[in-house]
C-alpha atoms as a PDB file:
ATOM      1  CA  MET A   1      -0.057   0.031   0.038  1.00  0.00           C
ATOM      2  CA  ILE A   2       1.330   3.277  -1.078  1.00  0.00           C
ATOM      3  CA  LYS A   3       1.931   5.527   1.953  1.00  0.00           C
ATOM      4  CA  ALA A   4       2.124   9.451   2.404  1.00  0.00           C
ATOM      5  CA  ILE A   5       3.189  10.602   5.704  1.00  0.00           C
ATOM      6  CA  ALA A   6       2.952  14.238   7.175  1.00  0.00           C
ATOM      7  CA  VAL A   7       6.433  15.240   8.180  1.00  0.00           C
ATOM      8  CA  ASN A   8       7.424  17.574  10.285  1.00  0.00           C
ATOM      9  CA  ALA A   9      11.078  19.542  10.040  1.00  0.00           C
ATOM     10  CA  ALA A  10      12.670  17.098  12.310  1.00  0.00           C
ATOM     11  CA  ASN A  11      11.231  14.136   9.887  1.00  0.00           C
ATOM     12  CA  ASN A  12       8.450  12.557  12.437  1.00  0.00           C
ATOM     13  CA  VAL A  13       4.882  12.734  11.917  1.00  0.00           C
ATOM     14  CA  ALA A  14       3.784  16.399  11.763  1.00  0.00           C
ATOM     15  CA  GLY A  15       1.134  17.604  14.164  1.00  0.00           C
ATOM     16  CA  HIS A  16      -1.307  18.731  11.651  1.00  0.00           C
ATOM     17  CA  PHE A  17      -2.287  17.575   8.263  1.00  0.00           C
ATOM     18  CA  GLY A  18      -2.831  20.631   6.367  1.00  0.00           C
ATOM     19  CA  LYS A  19       0.139  22.651   8.100  1.00  0.00           C
ATOM     20  CA  ALA A  20       2.722  19.633   7.614  1.00  0.00           C
ATOM     21  CA  PRO A  21       5.244  21.309   5.758  1.00  0.00           C
ATOM     22  CA  GLU A  22       6.066  17.946   3.591  1.00  0.00           C
ATOM     23  CA  PHE A  23       4.551  14.621   3.045  1.00  0.00           C
ATOM     24  CA  ALA A  24       7.101  11.974   2.690  1.00  0.00           C
ATOM     25  CA  VAL A  25       5.806   9.309   0.227  1.00  0.00           C
ATOM     26  CA  TYR A  26       6.613   5.409   0.448  1.00  0.00           C
ATOM     27  CA  ASP A  27       5.860   2.552  -1.675  1.00  0.00           C
ATOM     28  CA  ALA A  28       4.904  -0.684   0.002  1.00  0.00           C
ATOM     29  CA  GLN A  29       8.407  -2.225   0.349  1.00  0.00           C
ATOM     30  CA  GLY A  30       8.695   1.187   2.238  1.00  0.00           C
ATOM     31  CA  GLN A  31      11.007   2.693  -0.135  1.00  0.00           C
ATOM     32  CA  LEU A  32      10.615   6.640  -0.447  1.00  0.00           C
ATOM     33  CA  VAL A  33       9.045   7.487  -3.777  1.00  0.00           C
ATOM     34  CA  GLU A  34       8.613  11.147  -3.203  1.00  0.00           C
ATOM     35  CA  ARG A  35       8.880  13.797  -1.262  1.00  0.00           C
ATOM     36  CA  MET A  36       6.200  16.739  -1.466  1.00  0.00           C
ATOM     37  CA  THR A  37       6.355  19.786  -0.306  1.00  0.00           C
ATOM     38  CA  ASN A  38       3.726  21.703   1.054  1.00  0.00           C
ATOM     39  CA  SER A  39       3.882  25.038  -0.299  1.00  0.00           C
ATOM     40  CA  GLY A  40       0.485  25.963   1.811  1.00  0.00           C
ATOM     41  CA  SER A  41       1.165  25.076   4.984  1.00  0.00           C
ATOM     42  CA  LYS A  42       0.852  28.568   6.209  1.00  0.00           C
ATOM     43  CA  ALA A  43      -1.842  29.543   4.041  1.00  0.00           C
ATOM     44  CA  VAL A  44      -5.534  29.686   5.158  1.00  0.00           C
ATOM     45  CA  GLY A  45      -8.051  28.398   3.558  1.00  0.00           C
ATOM     46  CA  CYS A  46      -8.361  24.913   1.658  1.00  0.00           C
ATOM     47  CA  LYS A  47      -7.142  25.534  -2.239  1.00  0.00           C
ATOM     48  CA  HIS A  48      -3.581  23.629  -1.265  1.00  0.00           C
ATOM     49  CA  LYS A  49      -5.300  20.535   0.651  1.00  0.00           C
ATOM     50  CA  LYS A  50      -6.965  20.007  -2.653  1.00  0.00           C
ATOM     51  CA  GLN A  51      -3.930  20.101  -4.875  1.00  0.00           C
ATOM     52  CA  LEU A  52      -2.466  17.904  -2.402  1.00  0.00           C
ATOM     53  CA  GLN A  53      -5.295  15.126  -2.444  1.00  0.00           C
ATOM     54  CA  ARG A  54      -5.004  15.796  -6.242  1.00  0.00           C
ATOM     55  CA  ARG A  55      -1.456  15.012  -5.922  1.00  0.00           C
ATOM     56  CA  PHE A  56      -1.932  12.061  -3.491  1.00  0.00           C
ATOM     57  CA  GLY A  57      -4.246  10.976  -6.398  1.00  0.00           C
ATOM     58  CA  GLU A  58      -1.843  11.062  -9.402  1.00  0.00           C
ATOM     59  CA  LEU A  59       1.114   9.126  -7.257  1.00  0.00           C
ATOM     60  CA  GLY A  60      -1.259   6.009  -6.249  1.00  0.00           C
ATOM     61  CA  VAL A  61      -1.170   6.848  -2.474  1.00  0.00           C
ATOM     62  CA  GLN A  62      -4.276   4.572  -0.639  1.00  0.00           C
ATOM     63  CA  GLU A  63      -2.701   5.735   3.196  1.00  0.00           C
ATOM     64  CA  ILE A  64      -2.542   8.764   4.837  1.00  0.00           C
ATOM     65  CA  VAL A  65      -0.671   9.158   7.567  1.00  0.00           C
ATOM     66  CA  LEU A  66      -0.807  11.829   9.843  1.00  0.00           C
ATOM     67  CA  GLY A  67      -1.212  13.301  13.533  1.00  0.00           C
ATOM     68  CA  SER A  68      -4.338  15.470  13.430  1.00  0.00           C
ATOM     69  CA  ILE A  69      -6.691  16.490  10.658  1.00  0.00           C
ATOM     70  CA  GLY A  70     -10.278  18.795  10.632  1.00  0.00           C
ATOM     71  CA  GLN A  71     -13.475  17.687   9.900  1.00  0.00           C
ATOM     72  CA  ARG A  72     -13.661  19.547   6.235  1.00  0.00           C
ATOM     73  CA  SER A  73     -10.509  17.925   5.068  1.00  0.00           C
ATOM     74  CA  LEU A  74     -11.026  14.393   6.804  1.00  0.00           C
ATOM     75  CA  ALA A  75     -14.567  14.471   5.073  1.00  0.00           C
ATOM     76  CA  ARG A  76     -12.750  15.146   1.764  1.00  0.00           C
ATOM     77  CA  LEU A  77     -10.072  12.433   2.102  1.00  0.00           C
ATOM     78  CA  LEU A  78     -12.117  10.025   2.802  1.00  0.00           C
ATOM     79  CA  SER A  79     -15.346  10.488   0.145  1.00  0.00           C
ATOM     80  CA  ALA A  80     -12.088  10.419  -2.088  1.00  0.00           C
ATOM     81  CA  GLY A  81     -11.153   6.661  -1.160  1.00  0.00           C
ATOM     82  CA  PHE A  82      -8.171   7.374   0.789  1.00  0.00           C
ATOM     83  CA  VAL A  83      -7.665   5.560   4.064  1.00  0.00           C
ATOM     84  CA  VAL A  84      -6.602   8.161   6.853  1.00  0.00           C
ATOM     85  CA  SER A  85      -4.850   6.694   9.858  1.00  0.00           C
ATOM     86  CA  GLN A  86      -3.982   8.793  12.954  1.00  0.00           C
ATOM     87  CA  VAL A  87      -0.823   8.429  14.665  1.00  0.00           C
ATOM     88  CA  ALA A  88       0.633  10.041  17.736  1.00  0.00           C
ATOM     89  CA  ALA A  89       2.594  13.391  16.726  1.00  0.00           C
ATOM     90  CA  ARG A  90       6.018  13.467  16.610  1.00  0.00           C
ATOM     91  CA  THR A  91       6.142   9.483  15.789  1.00  0.00           C
ATOM     92  CA  SER A  92       8.975   8.665  14.083  1.00  0.00           C
ATOM     93  CA  ILE A  93       8.613   7.658  10.250  1.00  0.00           C
ATOM     94  CA  GLY A  94      10.491   4.151  10.951  1.00  0.00           C
ATOM     95  CA  ASP A  95       8.159   3.315  13.301  1.00  0.00           C
ATOM     96  CA  VAL A  96       5.237   4.194  10.896  1.00  0.00           C
ATOM     97  CA  LEU A  97       7.181   1.938   8.385  1.00  0.00           C
ATOM     98  CA  ALA A  98       7.584  -0.799  10.409  1.00  0.00           C
ATOM     99  CA  GLY A  99       3.970  -0.864  11.889  1.00  0.00           C
ATOM    100  CA  THR A 100       5.418  -0.414  15.552  1.00  0.00           C
ATOM    101  CA  ALA A 101       3.346   2.799  15.760  1.00  0.00           C
ATOM    102  CA  HIS A 102      -0.374   2.668  17.389  1.00  0.00           C
ATOM    103  CA  LYS A 103      -2.482   3.824  13.915  1.00  0.00           C
ATOM    104  CA  LEU A 104      -6.272   4.849  14.678  1.00  0.00           C
ATOM    105  CA  ASN A 105      -8.214   4.514  11.533  1.00  0.00           C
ATOM    106  CA  LEU A 106     -10.147   7.578  11.071  1.00  0.00           C
ATOM    107  CA  THR A 107     -13.583   6.736   8.890  1.00  0.00           C
ATOM    108  CA  GLU A 108     -16.056   9.486   9.476  1.00  0.00           C
ATOM    109  CA  ALA A 109     -16.012  13.275   9.054  1.00  0.00           C
ATOM    110  CA  GLU A 110     -16.604  14.056  12.836  1.00  0.00           C
ATOM    111  CA  GLN A 111     -13.448  12.212  14.113  1.00  0.00           C
ATOM    112  CA  GLY A 112     -11.109  15.268  13.036  1.00  0.00           C
ATOM    113  CA  ARG A 113     -11.038  18.793  14.732  1.00  0.00           C
ATOM    114  CA  PRO A 114     -13.760  20.963  14.178  1.00  0.00           C
ATOM    115  CA  CYS A 115     -12.982  24.131  12.779  1.00  0.00           C
ATOM    116  CA  LYS A 116     -11.943  26.847  14.581  1.00  0.00           C
ATOM    117  CA  ARG A 117     -13.301  29.561  11.576  1.00  0.00           C
ATOM    118  CA  GLU A 118     -16.727  30.099  10.995  1.00  0.00           C
ATOM    119  CA  LYS A 119     -18.037  28.879   7.806  1.00  0.00           C
ATOM    120  CA  GLY A 120     -16.613  30.418   4.890  1.00  0.00           C
ATOM    121  CA  ASP A 121     -14.168  32.295   7.030  1.00  0.00           C
ATOM    122  CA  CYS A 122     -11.463  30.470   5.582  1.00  0.00           C
ATOM    123  CA  GLY A 123     -11.999  32.590   2.389  1.00  0.00           C
ATOM    124  CA  CYS A 124     -12.487  29.478   0.073  1.00  0.00           C
ATOM    125  CA  GLY A 125     -15.815  28.751   0.473  1.00  0.00           C
ATOM    126  CA  CYS A 126     -16.228  25.734   1.854  1.00  0.00           C
ATOM    127  CA  GLY A 127     -19.069  25.332   3.684  1.00  0.00           C
ATOM    128  CA  THR A 128     -21.074  28.371   3.020  1.00  0.00           C
ATOM    129  CA  LYS A 129     -24.471  28.701   1.806  1.00  0.00           C
ATOM    130  CA  LYS A 130     -25.151  31.230  -0.499  1.00  0.00           C
ATOM    131  CA  ALA A 131     -27.383  34.335   0.193  1.00  0.00           C
ATOM    132  CA  ALA A 132     -31.145  34.044  -0.677  1.00  0.00           C
ATOM    133  CA  ALA A 133     -31.856  36.664  -3.213  1.00  0.00           C
ATOM    134  CA  PRO A 134     -34.570  38.934  -1.468  1.00  0.00           C
ATOM    135  CA  LYS A 135     -38.138  38.010  -2.409  1.00  0.00           C
ATOM    136  CA  ILE A 136     -40.721  40.417  -2.838  1.00  0.00           C
ATOM    137  CA  GLY A 137     -42.216  41.526   0.377  1.00  0.00           C
ATOM    138  CA  MET A 138     -39.462  40.846   2.605  1.00  0.00           C
ATOM    139  CA  MET A 139     -38.155  43.822   5.061  1.00  0.00           C
ATOM    140  CA  MET A 140     -35.734  45.812   4.294  1.00  0.00           C
ATOM    141  CA  ASN A 141     -33.288  48.223   5.799  1.00  0.00           C
ATOM    142  CA  THR A 142     -35.480  51.012   7.516  1.00  0.00           C
ATOM    143  CA  MET A 143     -32.092  53.050   7.645  1.00  0.00           C
ATOM    144  CA  THR A 144     -31.749  52.860   3.672  1.00  0.00           C
ATOM    145  CA  ARG A 145     -32.688  55.832   1.870  1.00  0.00           C
ATOM    146  CA  LEU A 146     -34.925  55.067  -1.405  1.00  0.00           C
ATOM    147  CA  SER A 147     -34.706  58.036  -3.699  1.00  0.00           C
ATOM    148  CA  GLY A 148     -36.438  58.964  -7.329  1.00  0.00           C
ATOM    149  CA  LEU A 149     -39.512  57.416  -6.175  1.00  0.00           C
ATOM    150  CA  SER A 150     -43.129  58.841  -5.724  1.00  0.00           C
ATOM    151  CA  GLY A 151     -45.414  58.593  -3.532  1.00  0.00           C
ATOM    152  CA  ILE A 152     -47.947  56.702  -4.106  1.00  0.00           C
ATOM    153  CA  LYS A 153     -52.070  58.478  -3.797  1.00  0.00           C
ATOM    154  CA  LEU A 154     -54.712  56.383  -2.504  1.00  0.00           C
ATOM    155  CA  LYS A 155     -58.138  57.357  -4.078  1.00  0.00           C
END
């Protein structure tokens, strides 16, 4: 099984999926296939996470090993068919590859961390609902001044 492991600067498992500086991709024999730089590790939003997911798919990654992950990112990875495994942050890559690290398979989005921002505040539009168009008869802001309208006269 091809694995992508979120790694930190000390070459251990990173504490968070989206903030991991790199991902080390290993083949089924434990040989390093590629080290991917997470160029968006300090960015706000989901665009860089979607790019990572696309690259994982291109490399044939089946399992993603990480320290923690947010609910939205976890839901996206699970729906794309990835196996997502959580290990303690700062676990050595050697322990992960040897199978001696305690892994928890994440199978539901609720197992991820709740988003710290309100829906849509990450700037990418995820989780936002489109504002409903005003309907006839809806109340309007009474502080708004209307101009150019003449009064309606009743007979």
